[in-house]
Amino acid sequence: MATTSISLEELQYRMQHDPGPNRQTQRDEEWIQSPGGDDNFKVVIRVRPPLPRELEGYREYQCTSLVDAHSGQLITISENLPAVMSGQAASDGILYATYRFTFDNVYDQHSSQEEVYNQSARPLVLSTLQGYNAAIIAYGQTGTGKTYTMEGELEGPLRGIIPRSVEDIFAAIENDPEPSATKYLVRASYLQIYNEVISDLLKPEKMNLLIREDRRRGVFVDGLSEWVVRSPAEVYGLMMRGAQQVIMWCTQAR
């Protein structure tokens, strides 16, 4: 899920210019028509559901965030959300720290993998089929659900953004109305950045790789292996291979 940190000034500006409820639908339609316009960067927030240990802790669990279901873009965060939303805080004269932020999309803890992908990731995937570069970056603390959102499961309704993206890309290639007029080449790479060291997860002997830039290739990782893939299954095979390498490195580090 594409997220990033932004300044307080930017947050204040977004709060003062809260978009209407239909803005996101219009923007997703315009994205494919003009991916180089003002909508080529989006910030999306997803609130994960509480973990069992949080629900079963010695303190009663209390939700601190509320997503505006009408716009799907406004989130309220408060140290005592029930009191603030019911108006009890105002009647009691008690002040609770409460903040409201607006983003391109905000998903609550009940959002599905399909909903997140279709609304916030699929337009990016479709734009790559038109020759545009695209990137989806998941940012957050450990345990906030980054891996679940990006990968999830490889089959079933819990598939994350990566499996669904792969499926859409190969489906578009297979359903091309003029297959003889276009040639497709799909390649995959899998890298890890840890402590500012870039490593190739598919060729573990390649470590300390460097980021370079030239006019022909743009920004790239020098020496990173690229693997030609012909189906979603081949991509999933590379993902599992890279995941095994991460597990092995973690075991060795212990």
Protein backbone atom coordinates (compact mmCIF):
# COMPACT_ATOMS: atom_id res chain seq x y z
CA MET A 1 0.00 0.00 0.00
CA ALA A 2 1.51 3.36 -0.98
CA THR A 3 2.22 5.43 2.08
CA THR A 4 4.72 8.06 3.17
CA SER A 5 5.27 10.62 5.91
CA ILE A 6 4.20 14.18 5.20
CA SER A 7 4.68 17.47 6.98
CA LEU A 8 2.28 19.06 9.45
CA GLU A 9 1.69 21.90 6.98
CA GLU A 10 0.60 19.41 4.33
CA LEU A 11 -1.76 17.70 6.78
CA GLN A 12 -3.30 21.04 7.71
CA TYR A 13 -3.77 21.90 4.05
CA ARG A 14 -5.49 18.55 3.41
CA MET A 15 -7.80 19.10 6.39
CA GLN A 16 -8.81 22.53 5.08
CA HIS A 17 -9.48 21.21 1.57
CA ASP A 18 -11.41 18.06 2.34
CA PRO A 19 -12.49 16.49 -0.99
CA GLY A 20 -16.02 15.43 -1.72
CA PRO A 21 -17.15 11.79 -1.47
CA ASN A 22 -17.08 11.23 -5.26
CA ARG A 23 -13.61 12.56 -5.82
CA GLN A 24 -11.83 9.20 -5.52
CA THR A 25 -13.97 7.50 -8.16
CA GLN A 26 -13.34 10.35 -10.59
CA ARG A 27 -9.62 10.31 -9.87
CA ASP A 28 -9.31 6.55 -10.46
CA GLU A 29 -10.98 7.02 -13.85
CA GLU A 30 -8.69 9.90 -14.71
CA TRP A 31 -5.58 8.01 -13.55
CA ILE A 32 -5.46 5.76 -16.62
CA GLN A 33 -6.22 8.66 -18.96
CA SER A 34 -3.55 10.93 -17.51
CA PRO A 35 -1.17 9.08 -15.17
CA GLY A 36 1.36 11.89 -15.46
CA GLY A 37 -0.96 14.51 -14.01
CA ASP A 38 -1.47 15.76 -10.47
CA ASP A 39 -2.68 12.35 -9.31
CA ASN A 40 0.58 10.50 -9.87
CA PHE A 41 1.23 10.32 -6.13
CA LYS A 42 -1.21 9.06 -3.54
CA VAL A 43 -1.09 8.50 0.21
CA VAL A 44 -3.29 5.70 1.52
CA ILE A 45 -3.87 4.65 5.14
CA ARG A 46 -5.09 1.26 6.33
CA VAL A 47 -6.06 0.57 9.95
CA ARG A 48 -5.44 -3.01 10.98
CA PRO A 49 -7.84 -4.87 13.29
CA PRO A 50 -6.79 -5.49 16.90
CA LEU A 51 -4.65 -8.53 17.62
CA PRO A 52 -5.86 -11.27 20.01
CA ARG A 53 -3.28 -10.23 22.60
CA GLU A 54 -4.66 -6.68 22.48
CA LEU A 55 -8.24 -7.88 22.96
CA GLU A 56 -7.28 -10.26 25.76
CA GLY A 57 -4.88 -7.95 27.61
CA TYR A 58 -5.20 -6.89 31.21
CA ARG A 59 -6.60 -3.55 30.05
CA GLU A 60 -9.88 -3.31 28.20
CA TYR A 61 -9.29 -2.74 24.49
CA GLN A 62 -10.34 0.69 23.24
CA CYS A 63 -10.40 1.70 19.61
CA THR A 64 -8.66 5.04 19.04
CA SER A 65 -9.43 5.65 15.36
CA LEU A 66 -12.55 6.19 13.30
CA VAL A 67 -12.75 6.30 9.50
CA ASP A 68 -15.42 8.48 7.90
CA ALA A 69 -17.47 5.95 5.91
CA HIS A 70 -19.06 8.70 3.80
CA SER A 71 -15.89 10.04 2.21
CA GLY A 72 -13.48 7.18 2.86
CA GLN A 73 -10.74 9.78 3.16
CA LEU A 74 -11.01 11.21 6.68
CA ILE A 75 -9.68 9.55 9.84
CA THR A 76 -10.19 10.72 13.42
CA ILE A 77 -7.69 9.67 16.09
CA SER A 78 -8.38 10.32 19.77
CA GLU A 79 -7.15 9.11 23.13
CA ASN A 80 -10.80 8.71 24.16
CA LEU A 81 -12.73 8.24 20.94
CA PRO A 82 -16.09 7.13 22.45
CA ALA A 83 -16.26 10.22 24.66
CA VAL A 84 -15.31 12.58 21.84
CA MET A 85 -17.74 11.11 19.29
CA SER A 86 -20.65 10.99 21.76
CA GLY A 87 -20.10 14.56 22.92
CA GLN A 88 -19.51 13.43 26.49
CA ALA A 89 -16.09 15.09 26.54
CA ALA A 90 -17.61 18.49 25.80
CA SER A 91 -20.34 18.15 28.43
CA ASP A 92 -17.85 17.04 31.07
CA GLY A 93 -15.43 19.79 30.18
CA ILE A 94 -12.62 17.26 29.69
CA LEU A 95 -10.15 17.79 26.85
CA TYR A 96 -8.84 14.75 24.99
CA ALA A 97 -6.11 14.88 22.36
CA THR A 98 -8.01 14.45 19.09
CA TYR A 99 -6.74 14.77 15.53
CA ARG A 100 -8.37 14.54 12.11
CA PHE A 101 -6.42 13.85 8.92
CA THR A 102 -7.46 13.54 5.28
CA PHE A 103 -5.75 11.27 2.75
CA ASP A 104 -6.49 9.98 -0.73
CA ASN A 105 -7.99 6.83 0.78
CA VAL A 106 -8.45 5.58 4.34
CA TYR A 107 -9.48 1.98 5.05
CA ASP A 108 -10.78 0.86 8.42
CA GLN A 109 -10.11 -2.45 10.16
CA HIS A 110 -13.02 -4.10 8.34
CA SER A 111 -11.71 -3.39 4.83
CA SER A 112 -11.08 -6.37 2.57
CA GLN A 113 -8.01 -7.18 0.51
CA GLU A 114 -10.08 -6.86 -2.66
CA GLU A 115 -11.34 -3.41 -1.68
CA VAL A 116 -7.87 -2.06 -0.97
CA TYR A 117 -6.48 -3.46 -4.22
CA ASN A 118 -9.29 -2.35 -6.52
CA GLN A 119 -9.48 1.21 -5.20
CA SER A 120 -5.84 2.05 -4.53
CA ALA A 121 -3.55 -0.36 -6.39
CA ARG A 122 -5.27 -1.59 -9.54
CA PRO A 123 -5.12 1.79 -11.36
CA LEU A 124 -1.33 1.72 -10.89
CA VAL A 125 -1.08 -1.80 -12.26
CA LEU A 126 -3.14 -0.93 -15.32
CA SER A 127 -1.00 2.14 -15.99
CA THR A 128 2.12 -0.06 -16.26
CA LEU A 129 0.47 -1.88 -19.15
CA GLN A 130 0.44 1.46 -20.94
CA GLY A 131 4.17 1.90 -20.45
CA TYR A 132 4.24 4.01 -17.28
CA ASN A 133 6.46 3.29 -14.28
CA ALA A 134 4.67 2.60 -11.01
CA ALA A 135 5.65 1.78 -7.44
CA ILE A 136 3.67 0.77 -4.36
CA ILE A 137 5.47 1.24 -1.05
CA ALA A 138 4.17 -0.08 2.26
CA TYR A 139 5.46 1.90 5.23
CA GLY A 140 4.83 1.34 8.90
CA GLN A 141 6.08 -0.11 12.15
CA THR A 142 6.59 -3.82 12.75
CA GLY A 143 3.25 -5.57 13.18
CA THR A 144 1.10 -2.98 11.41
CA GLY A 145 0.10 -5.30 8.55
CA LYS A 146 2.46 -4.38 5.70
CA THR A 147 3.16 -7.97 4.66
CA TYR A 148 -0.49 -8.91 4.96
CA THR A 149 -1.58 -6.03 2.73
CA MET A 150 1.16 -6.51 0.14
CA GLU A 151 1.32 -10.32 0.03
CA GLY A 152 -1.42 -11.88 2.13
CA GLU A 153 -2.08 -15.38 0.84
CA LEU A 154 -1.31 -16.53 -2.70
CA GLU A 155 -4.79 -18.01 -3.18
CA GLY A 156 -8.30 -17.15 -2.06
CA PRO A 157 -9.91 -13.88 -0.89
CA LEU A 158 -6.96 -13.00 1.37
CA ARG A 159 -4.64 -12.47 -1.60
CA GLY A 160 -2.70 -9.25 -1.21
CA ILE A 161 -1.68 -6.54 -3.64
CA ILE A 162 1.23 -8.45 -5.21
CA PRO A 163 -0.68 -11.63 -6.15
CA ARG A 164 -3.60 -9.62 -7.48
CA SER A 165 -1.26 -7.38 -9.49
CA VAL A 166 0.46 -10.38 -11.04
CA GLU A 167 -2.89 -11.92 -11.95
CA ASP A 168 -4.10 -8.70 -13.60
CA ILE A 169 -0.90 -8.30 -15.62
CA PHE A 170 -0.97 -11.81 -17.04
CA ALA A 171 -4.74 -11.64 -17.61
CA ALA A 172 -4.27 -8.44 -19.65
CA ILE A 173 -1.55 -10.10 -21.73
CA GLU A 174 -3.67 -13.18 -22.32
CA ASN A 175 -6.73 -11.13 -23.30
CA ASP A 176 -4.89 -8.75 -25.61
CA PRO A 177 -7.25 -8.27 -28.62
CA GLU A 178 -4.25 -7.93 -30.96
CA PRO A 179 -1.61 -10.35 -29.63
CA SER A 180 0.33 -10.39 -32.88
CA ALA A 181 0.83 -6.61 -32.76
CA THR A 182 2.44 -6.49 -29.31
CA LYS A 183 5.26 -8.42 -27.71
CA TYR A 184 5.39 -8.78 -23.94
CA LEU A 185 8.34 -9.55 -21.70
CA VAL A 186 7.67 -9.86 -17.96
CA ARG A 187 10.68 -9.96 -15.64
CA ALA A 188 10.81 -10.14 -11.86
CA SER A 189 13.44 -9.20 -9.27
CA TYR A 190 13.40 -9.60 -5.50
CA LEU A 191 15.69 -7.55 -3.28
CA GLN A 192 16.07 -6.69 0.37
CA ILE A 193 17.25 -3.42 1.89
CA TYR A 194 18.41 -3.95 5.45
CA ASN A 195 20.64 -1.53 7.37
CA GLU A 196 21.16 0.34 4.09
CA VAL A 197 22.62 -2.80 2.47
CA ILE A 198 20.93 -4.01 -0.74
CA SER A 199 20.92 -7.78 -1.26
CA ASP A 200 19.55 -9.95 -4.08
CA LEU A 201 17.18 -12.48 -2.50
CA LEU A 202 17.21 -14.67 -5.63
CA LYS A 203 21.00 -14.72 -5.84
CA PRO A 204 22.18 -14.56 -2.23
CA GLU A 205 25.83 -14.25 -3.24
CA LYS A 206 25.03 -10.78 -4.58
CA MET A 207 25.22 -8.37 -1.67
CA ASN A 208 26.16 -4.71 -1.17
CA LEU A 209 24.54 -3.78 -4.48
CA LEU A 210 24.50 -0.14 -5.56
CA ILE A 211 21.73 2.10 -6.88
CA ARG A 212 22.71 3.80 -10.13
CA GLU A 213 21.08 5.94 -12.77
CA ASP A 214 21.63 6.43 -16.50
CA ARG A 215 19.67 7.93 -19.37
CA ARG A 216 18.65 4.62 -20.89
CA ARG A 217 17.57 2.64 -17.82
CA GLY A 218 16.77 5.43 -15.41
CA VAL A 219 17.23 4.47 -11.74
CA PHE A 220 18.23 0.83 -11.25
CA VAL A 221 20.07 -1.52 -8.89
CA ASP A 222 23.35 -2.49 -10.50
CA GLY A 223 23.86 -6.25 -10.60
CA LEU A 224 20.35 -7.19 -9.49
CA SER A 225 19.20 -10.41 -11.17
CA GLU A 226 16.13 -10.34 -13.42
CA TRP A 227 14.08 -13.47 -14.06
CA VAL A 228 11.76 -13.94 -17.03
CA VAL A 229 8.36 -15.17 -15.83
CA ARG A 230 5.53 -16.55 -17.95
CA SER A 231 2.76 -17.10 -15.40
CA PRO A 232 1.65 -16.08 -11.90
CA ALA A 233 2.84 -19.46 -10.62
CA GLU A 234 6.41 -18.68 -11.68
CA VAL A 235 6.26 -15.34 -9.84
CA TYR A 236 4.96 -17.04 -6.69
CA GLY A 237 7.81 -19.54 -6.94
CA LEU A 238 10.34 -16.69 -6.91
CA MET A 239 8.55 -15.07 -3.96
CA MET A 240 8.74 -18.25 -1.91
CA ARG A 241 12.37 -18.74 -2.87
CA GLY A 242 13.23 -15.23 -1.72
CA ALA A 243 11.25 -15.67 1.50
CA GLN A 244 13.23 -18.81 2.31
CA GLN A 245 16.45 -16.84 1.86
CA VAL A 246 15.26 -14.22 4.35
CA ILE A 247 14.44 -16.96 6.88
CA MET A 248 17.89 -18.50 6.44
CA TRP A 249 19.63 -15.15 6.95
CA CYS A 250 17.59 -14.51 10.10
CA THR A 251 18.51 -17.94 11.45
CA GLN A 252 22.19 -17.35 10.78
CA ALA A 253 22.03 -13.94 12.47
CA ARG A 254 20.84 -15.58 15.68
